Amino acid sequence: MGVGRKVRAVFLDRDGVVNRQIVRDGRPYPPASLGELEIPEPVRPALDRLKAAGFRLIVVTNQPDVARGTIPPATVEAIHEALKARLPLDDILVCPHDDADNCKCRKPKPGLVLEGAARHAVDLGGSYLIGDRWRDVEAGHNAGVRTVFLDYGYRERSPQPAATATVKTLTEAVDWIESDLRGEQRRAVRELP
């Protein structure tokens, strides 16, 4: 990156965004083992497009099953190593806590996004978060990034405030981000003296 150029990032939720979530009774769950990890076919091309546009790709994921004792930390780490080996990710940040822990990193709090921004010198105002749950969108909003909600119709509340954009697929999310960037570039050209 050139001198003075700000680093932009796309913060990505993990389950339901970069890997397939397991849906039971209309609610999403993470893979419980490395054997359950599945990366949908469109994910790699979508992430490659974001990398080509100059974004850092930072996964920010709540994994409360660690605190609940139903998934060992080693399993979460093995899943993350597999994701890093197969996808162009710059970082994966994890909140292993549950709501009762009242930590700063559990989404909808912005702790993971802010930590990623600090680690990678990210300009939050020029960055995005893609998530499939209300907690993701609210964490992005709380951190000051534009948000893209993958609406899979889960049986849970909607994000409040609403996402900057709502789409049905990761590919559509990337399309929207690219369109938003083009609009930003057109506005910058119009503002030139």
C-alpha atoms as a PDB file:
ATOM      1  CA  MET A   1       0.000   0.000   0.000  1.00  0.00           C
ATOM      2  CA  GLY A   2       1.214   3.497  -0.767  1.00  0.00           C
ATOM      3  CA  VAL A   3       2.274   6.017   1.838  1.00  0.00           C
ATOM      4  CA  GLY A   4      -0.751   7.654   3.427  1.00  0.00           C
ATOM      5  CA  ARG A   5      -3.179   5.145   1.939  1.00  0.00           C
ATOM      6  CA  LYS A   6      -5.624   3.806   4.480  1.00  0.00           C
ATOM      7  CA  VAL A   7      -6.115   0.087   4.923  1.00  0.00           C
ATOM      8  CA  ARG A   8      -9.690  -1.101   4.425  1.00  0.00           C
ATOM      9  CA  ALA A   9     -11.113  -4.332   5.689  1.00  0.00           C
ATOM     10  CA  VAL A  10     -14.112  -6.537   5.312  1.00  0.00           C
ATOM     11  CA  PHE A  11     -14.911  -8.133   8.647  1.00  0.00           C
ATOM     12  CA  LEU A  12     -16.632 -11.470   8.151  1.00  0.00           C
ATOM     13  CA  ASP A  13     -18.679 -13.563  10.512  1.00  0.00           C
ATOM     14  CA  ARG A  14     -17.593 -17.209  10.364  1.00  0.00           C
ATOM     15  CA  ASP A  15     -20.568 -19.591  10.483  1.00  0.00           C
ATOM     16  CA  GLY A  16     -23.020 -18.780   7.703  1.00  0.00           C
ATOM     17  CA  VAL A  17     -20.596 -16.476   5.888  1.00  0.00           C
ATOM     18  CA  VAL A  18     -17.272 -18.261   5.242  1.00  0.00           C
ATOM     19  CA  ASN A  19     -18.435 -21.747   6.172  1.00  0.00           C
ATOM     20  CA  ARG A  20     -21.810 -23.427   6.104  1.00  0.00           C
ATOM     21  CA  GLN A  21     -23.814 -23.138   9.297  1.00  0.00           C
ATOM     22  CA  ILE A  22     -25.853 -26.044  10.593  1.00  0.00           C
ATOM     23  CA  VAL A  23     -29.523 -25.014  10.871  1.00  0.00           C
ATOM     24  CA  ARG A  24     -31.827 -26.827  13.292  1.00  0.00           C
ATOM     25  CA  ASP A  25     -35.379 -25.626  13.989  1.00  0.00           C
ATOM     26  CA  GLY A  26     -34.657 -22.370  12.161  1.00  0.00           C
ATOM     27  CA  ARG A  27     -31.587 -21.545  14.284  1.00  0.00           C
ATOM     28  CA  PRO A  28     -27.972 -21.600  13.072  1.00  0.00           C
ATOM     29  CA  TYR A  29     -25.190 -23.537  14.810  1.00  0.00           C
ATOM     30  CA  PRO A  30     -21.456 -23.895  14.166  1.00  0.00           C
ATOM     31  CA  PRO A  31     -19.850 -27.102  12.942  1.00  0.00           C
ATOM     32  CA  ALA A  32     -19.071 -29.223  16.012  1.00  0.00           C
ATOM     33  CA  SER A  33     -16.007 -30.847  14.455  1.00  0.00           C
ATOM     34  CA  LEU A  34     -13.531 -30.451  11.638  1.00  0.00           C
ATOM     35  CA  GLY A  35     -15.446 -33.181   9.805  1.00  0.00           C
ATOM     36  CA  GLU A  36     -18.568 -30.972   9.770  1.00  0.00           C
ATOM     37  CA  LEU A  37     -16.707 -27.989   8.287  1.00  0.00           C
ATOM     38  CA  GLU A  38     -17.970 -27.174   4.799  1.00  0.00           C
ATOM     39  CA  ILE A  39     -16.969 -24.155   2.730  1.00  0.00           C
ATOM     40  CA  PRO A  40     -19.616 -23.457   0.075  1.00  0.00           C
ATOM     41  CA  GLU A  41     -18.342 -23.256  -3.521  1.00  0.00           C
ATOM     42  CA  PRO A  42     -18.983 -19.481  -4.013  1.00  0.00           C
ATOM     43  CA  VAL A  43     -17.009 -18.411  -0.908  1.00  0.00           C
ATOM     44  CA  ARG A  44     -13.465 -18.556  -2.340  1.00  0.00           C
ATOM     45  CA  PRO A  45     -14.299 -16.559  -5.520  1.00  0.00           C
ATOM     46  CA  ALA A  46     -16.182 -13.962  -3.458  1.00  0.00           C
ATOM     47  CA  LEU A  47     -13.261 -13.530  -1.056  1.00  0.00           C
ATOM     48  CA  ASP A  48     -10.813 -13.383  -3.967  1.00  0.00           C
ATOM     49  CA  ARG A  49     -12.808 -10.460  -5.381  1.00  0.00           C
ATOM     50  CA  LEU A  50     -12.581  -8.611  -2.060  1.00  0.00           C
ATOM     51  CA  LYS A  51      -8.816  -9.233  -1.890  1.00  0.00           C
ATOM     52  CA  ALA A  52      -8.431  -7.970  -5.467  1.00  0.00           C
ATOM     53  CA  ALA A  53     -10.255  -4.788  -4.407  1.00  0.00           C
ATOM     54  CA  GLY A  54      -7.580  -4.256  -1.748  1.00  0.00           C
ATOM     55  CA  PHE A  55      -9.438  -5.336   1.392  1.00  0.00           C
ATOM     56  CA  ARG A  56      -7.974  -7.100   4.397  1.00  0.00           C
ATOM     57  CA  LEU A  57     -10.237 -10.029   5.289  1.00  0.00           C
ATOM     58  CA  ILE A  58     -10.730 -10.483   9.017  1.00  0.00           C
ATOM     59  CA  VAL A  59     -13.061 -13.092  10.488  1.00  0.00           C
ATOM     60  CA  VAL A  60     -14.751 -12.049  13.749  1.00  0.00           C
ATOM     61  CA  THR A  61     -16.635 -14.902  15.370  1.00  0.00           C
ATOM     62  CA  ASN A  62     -18.538 -15.620  18.563  1.00  0.00           C
ATOM     63  CA  GLN A  63     -17.911 -19.190  19.704  1.00  0.00           C
ATOM     64  CA  PRO A  64     -19.883 -19.462  22.963  1.00  0.00           C
ATOM     65  CA  ASP A  65     -19.855 -23.276  22.793  1.00  0.00           C
ATOM     66  CA  VAL A  66     -16.286 -23.040  24.139  1.00  0.00           C
ATOM     67  CA  ALA A  67     -17.554 -21.344  27.327  1.00  0.00           C
ATOM     68  CA  ARG A  68     -20.474 -23.784  27.463  1.00  0.00           C
ATOM     69  CA  GLY A  69     -18.081 -26.740  27.287  1.00  0.00           C
ATOM     70  CA  THR A  70     -19.741 -28.304  24.221  1.00  0.00           C
ATOM     71  CA  ILE A  71     -16.904 -27.615  21.754  1.00  0.00           C
ATOM     72  CA  PRO A  72     -13.255 -27.810  22.870  1.00  0.00           C
ATOM     73  CA  PRO A  73     -10.965 -24.839  22.088  1.00  0.00           C
ATOM     74  CA  ALA A  74      -8.731 -27.220  20.098  1.00  0.00           C
ATOM     75  CA  THR A  75     -11.627 -27.985  17.733  1.00  0.00           C
ATOM     76  CA  VAL A  76     -12.276 -24.282  17.148  1.00  0.00           C
ATOM     77  CA  GLU A  77      -8.556 -23.772  16.441  1.00  0.00           C
ATOM     78  CA  ALA A  78      -8.463 -26.747  14.028  1.00  0.00           C
ATOM     79  CA  ILE A  79     -11.440 -25.295  12.131  1.00  0.00           C
ATOM     80  CA  HIS A  80      -9.660 -21.937  11.927  1.00  0.00           C
ATOM     81  CA  GLU A  81      -6.440 -23.498  10.665  1.00  0.00           C
ATOM     82  CA  ALA A  82      -8.435 -25.288   7.959  1.00  0.00           C
ATOM     83  CA  LEU A  83     -10.167 -22.032   6.962  1.00  0.00           C
ATOM     84  CA  LYS A  84      -6.831 -20.172   6.794  1.00  0.00           C
ATOM     85  CA  ALA A  85      -5.353 -22.945   4.641  1.00  0.00           C
ATOM     86  CA  ARG A  86      -8.224 -22.805   2.131  1.00  0.00           C
ATOM     87  CA  LEU A  87      -9.253 -19.137   2.081  1.00  0.00           C
ATOM     88  CA  PRO A  88      -7.384 -15.815   1.667  1.00  0.00           C
ATOM     89  CA  LEU A  89      -7.989 -14.654   5.240  1.00  0.00           C
ATOM     90  CA  ASP A  90      -5.709 -12.174   6.993  1.00  0.00           C
ATOM     91  CA  ASP A  91      -6.843 -12.929  10.526  1.00  0.00           C
ATOM     92  CA  ILE A  92      -9.433 -14.776  12.602  1.00  0.00           C
ATOM     93  CA  LEU A  93     -10.502 -13.272  15.929  1.00  0.00           C
ATOM     94  CA  VAL A  94     -12.597 -15.291  18.371  1.00  0.00           C
ATOM     95  CA  CYS A  95     -14.797 -14.516  21.346  1.00  0.00           C
ATOM     96  CA  PRO A  96     -14.975 -17.781  23.340  1.00  0.00           C
ATOM     97  CA  HIS A  97     -17.382 -16.303  25.918  1.00  0.00           C
ATOM     98  CA  ASP A  98     -21.113 -16.566  26.563  1.00  0.00           C
ATOM     99  CA  ASP A  99     -23.517 -13.688  27.267  1.00  0.00           C
ATOM    100  CA  ALA A 100     -23.224 -14.135  31.037  1.00  0.00           C
ATOM    101  CA  ASP A 101     -19.474 -13.397  30.855  1.00  0.00           C
ATOM    102  CA  ASN A 102     -20.270  -9.784  29.858  1.00  0.00           C
ATOM    103  CA  CYS A 103     -17.005  -9.497  27.920  1.00  0.00           C
ATOM    104  CA  LYS A 104     -16.074  -6.727  25.488  1.00  0.00           C
ATOM    105  CA  CYS A 105     -15.516  -9.095  22.569  1.00  0.00           C
ATOM    106  CA  ARG A 106     -18.870 -10.869  22.269  1.00  0.00           C
ATOM    107  CA  LYS A 107     -20.904  -9.467  19.419  1.00  0.00           C
ATOM    108  CA  PRO A 108     -23.033  -7.279  19.371  1.00  0.00           C
ATOM    109  CA  LYS A 109     -20.303  -5.449  21.276  1.00  0.00           C
ATOM    110  CA  PRO A 110     -17.668  -4.122  18.856  1.00  0.00           C
ATOM    111  CA  GLY A 111     -14.589  -5.514  20.634  1.00  0.00           C
ATOM    112  CA  LEU A 112     -13.528  -8.024  17.969  1.00  0.00           C
ATOM    113  CA  VAL A 113     -13.939  -5.495  15.149  1.00  0.00           C
ATOM    114  CA  LEU A 114     -12.002  -2.857  17.090  1.00  0.00           C
ATOM    115  CA  GLU A 115      -9.246  -5.365  17.899  1.00  0.00           C
ATOM    116  CA  GLY A 116      -8.966  -6.337  14.225  1.00  0.00           C
ATOM    117  CA  ALA A 117      -8.862  -2.687  13.220  1.00  0.00           C
ATOM    118  CA  ALA A 118      -6.076  -1.971  15.708  1.00  0.00           C
ATOM    119  CA  ARG A 119      -4.030  -5.034  14.668  1.00  0.00           C
ATOM    120  CA  HIS A 120      -4.217  -4.185  10.971  1.00  0.00           C
ATOM    121  CA  ALA A 121      -4.349  -0.343  11.077  1.00  0.00           C
ATOM    122  CA  VAL A 122      -7.795  -0.415   9.471  1.00  0.00           C
ATOM    123  CA  ASP A 123      -9.824   2.681   8.592  1.00  0.00           C
ATOM    124  CA  LEU A 124     -13.201   1.701  10.052  1.00  0.00           C
ATOM    125  CA  GLY A 125     -15.031   4.414   8.114  1.00  0.00           C
ATOM    126  CA  GLY A 126     -13.949   2.795   4.844  1.00  0.00           C
ATOM    127  CA  SER A 127     -14.633  -0.772   5.941  1.00  0.00           C
ATOM    128  CA  TYR A 128     -17.503  -3.264   5.982  1.00  0.00           C
ATOM    129  CA  LEU A 129     -18.845  -6.171   8.012  1.00  0.00           C
ATOM    130  CA  ILE A 130     -20.751  -9.096   6.487  1.00  0.00           C
ATOM    131  CA  GLY A 131     -22.820 -11.211   8.839  1.00  0.00           C
ATOM    132  CA  ASP A 132     -25.872 -13.455   8.943  1.00  0.00           C
ATOM    133  CA  ARG A 133     -27.169 -12.631  12.428  1.00  0.00           C
ATOM    134  CA  TRP A 134     -28.395  -9.557  14.253  1.00  0.00           C
ATOM    135  CA  ARG A 135     -25.353  -9.670  16.551  1.00  0.00           C
ATOM    136  CA  ASP A 136     -23.004  -9.266  13.572  1.00  0.00           C
ATOM    137  CA  VAL A 137     -24.816  -6.272  12.130  1.00  0.00           C
ATOM    138  CA  GLU A 138     -25.079  -4.549  15.487  1.00  0.00           C
ATOM    139  CA  ALA A 139     -21.373  -5.135  16.217  1.00  0.00           C
ATOM    140  CA  GLY A 140     -20.491  -3.573  12.864  1.00  0.00           C
ATOM    141  CA  HIS A 141     -22.782  -0.637  13.524  1.00  0.00           C
ATOM    142  CA  ASN A 142     -21.280  -0.202  17.009  1.00  0.00           C
ATOM    143  CA  ALA A 143     -17.771  -0.189  15.487  1.00  0.00           C
ATOM    144  CA  GLY A 144     -18.638   2.361  12.787  1.00  0.00           C
ATOM    145  CA  VAL A 145     -18.399   0.178   9.667  1.00  0.00           C
ATOM    146  CA  ARG A 146     -20.955  -0.307   6.900  1.00  0.00           C
ATOM    147  CA  THR A 147     -22.849  -3.548   7.341  1.00  0.00           C
ATOM    148  CA  VAL A 148     -24.183  -6.167   4.966  1.00  0.00           C
ATOM    149  CA  PHE A 149     -26.738  -8.606   6.339  1.00  0.00           C
ATOM    150  CA  LEU A 150     -27.066 -12.069   4.778  1.00  0.00           C
ATOM    151  CA  ASP A 151     -30.743 -12.706   5.452  1.00  0.00           C
ATOM    152  CA  TYR A 152     -31.244 -16.458   5.656  1.00  0.00           C
ATOM    153  CA  GLY A 153     -34.618 -16.150   7.386  1.00  0.00           C
ATOM    154  CA  TYR A 154     -33.505 -17.482  10.773  1.00  0.00           C
ATOM    155  CA  ARG A 155     -36.074 -17.599  13.529  1.00  0.00           C
ATOM    156  CA  GLU A 156     -34.585 -14.760  15.552  1.00  0.00           C
ATOM    157  CA  ARG A 157     -34.894 -11.016  15.772  1.00  0.00           C
ATOM    158  CA  SER A 158     -33.792  -8.701  12.981  1.00  0.00           C
ATOM    159  CA  PRO A 159     -30.811  -6.351  13.347  1.00  0.00           C
ATOM    160  CA  GLN A 160     -31.601  -3.003  15.007  1.00  0.00           C
ATOM    161  CA  PRO A 161     -30.634  -0.662  13.513  1.00  0.00           C
ATOM    162  CA  ALA A 162     -31.009  -2.274  10.131  1.00  0.00           C
ATOM    163  CA  ALA A 163     -27.949  -3.154   8.066  1.00  0.00           C
ATOM    164  CA  THR A 164     -26.616  -0.778   5.447  1.00  0.00           C
ATOM    165  CA  ALA A 165     -27.586  -3.449   2.895  1.00  0.00           C
ATOM    166  CA  THR A 166     -29.513  -6.726   3.069  1.00  0.00           C
ATOM    167  CA  VAL A 167     -28.815  -9.534   0.590  1.00  0.00           C
ATOM    168  CA  LYS A 168     -29.342 -13.292   0.242  1.00  0.00           C
ATOM    169  CA  THR A 169     -25.830 -14.560  -0.638  1.00  0.00           C
ATOM    170  CA  LEU A 170     -22.161 -13.770  -0.062  1.00  0.00           C
ATOM    171  CA  THR A 171     -21.779 -13.131  -3.795  1.00  0.00           C
ATOM    172  CA  GLU A 172     -24.554 -10.519  -3.609  1.00  0.00           C
ATOM    173  CA  ALA A 173     -22.801  -8.971  -0.588  1.00  0.00           C
ATOM    174  CA  VAL A 174     -19.594  -8.602  -2.594  1.00  0.00           C
ATOM    175  CA  ASP A 175     -21.564  -7.176  -5.540  1.00  0.00           C
ATOM    176  CA  TRP A 176     -23.055  -4.569  -3.195  1.00  0.00           C
ATOM    177  CA  ILE A 177     -19.643  -3.652  -1.705  1.00  0.00           C
ATOM    178  CA  GLU A 178     -18.146  -3.246  -5.182  1.00  0.00           C
ATOM    179  CA  SER A 179     -21.092  -1.052  -6.197  1.00  0.00           C
ATOM    180  CA  ASP A 180     -20.693   1.025  -3.031  1.00  0.00           C
ATOM    181  CA  LEU A 181     -16.985   1.490  -3.822  1.00  0.00           C
ATOM    182  CA  ARG A 182     -17.781   2.639  -7.364  1.00  0.00           C
ATOM    183  CA  GLY A 183     -20.241   5.172  -5.955  1.00  0.00           C
ATOM    184  CA  GLU A 184     -17.605   6.368  -3.495  1.00  0.00           C
ATOM    185  CA  GLN A 185     -15.092   6.795  -6.329  1.00  0.00           C
ATOM    186  CA  ARG A 186     -17.620   8.776  -8.403  1.00  0.00           C
ATOM    187  CA  ARG A 187     -18.302  11.061  -5.432  1.00  0.00           C
ATOM    188  CA  ALA A 188     -14.561  11.604  -4.930  1.00  0.00           C
ATOM    189  CA  VAL A 189     -14.086  12.551  -8.602  1.00  0.00           C
ATOM    190  CA  ARG A 190     -16.944  15.067  -8.411  1.00  0.00           C
ATOM    191  CA  GLU A 191     -15.333  16.662  -5.360  1.00  0.00           C
ATOM    192  CA  LEU A 192     -11.964  17.222  -7.075  1.00  0.00           C
ATOM    193  CA  PRO A 193     -11.125  20.933  -7.591  1.00  0.00           C
END
